[in-house]
Amino acid sequence: LLKKPFVNVEVEDFDFPVKYKVIYFMMASLSDKDQAPLISKDERFTKEMIEKIKSLKKGEKFVIEAIRVNGPDGEKQVSNPAIIYTIK
């Protein structure tokens, strides 16, 4: 994940390719429930997000959520509510 620190959105099983550009997402550590989510205003993880991921220990989890994209039909929220990662 840290080798390619960005969020990508793809549409599966569609009749033709549709491109969406991520314009916003939030990341939060599930072990730091009192900490405010970190915010990115494009598809890339911020420096703070990368440092947070590096600081997590094996078994700890973080979540990517509130993903917003811009595409042929304008700006919208991604329907998948959250992506949860576990550090291995």
Foldseek 3Di string as FASTA:
>chain_A
DVVQAFDADFDPPDPDGWHKWWQKKWKDWPVCVVDDTDMDRGGGDDPVRVVVVVPDDAFTKMKIAQIWIQTPVGIDTDPPGIDMDGHD
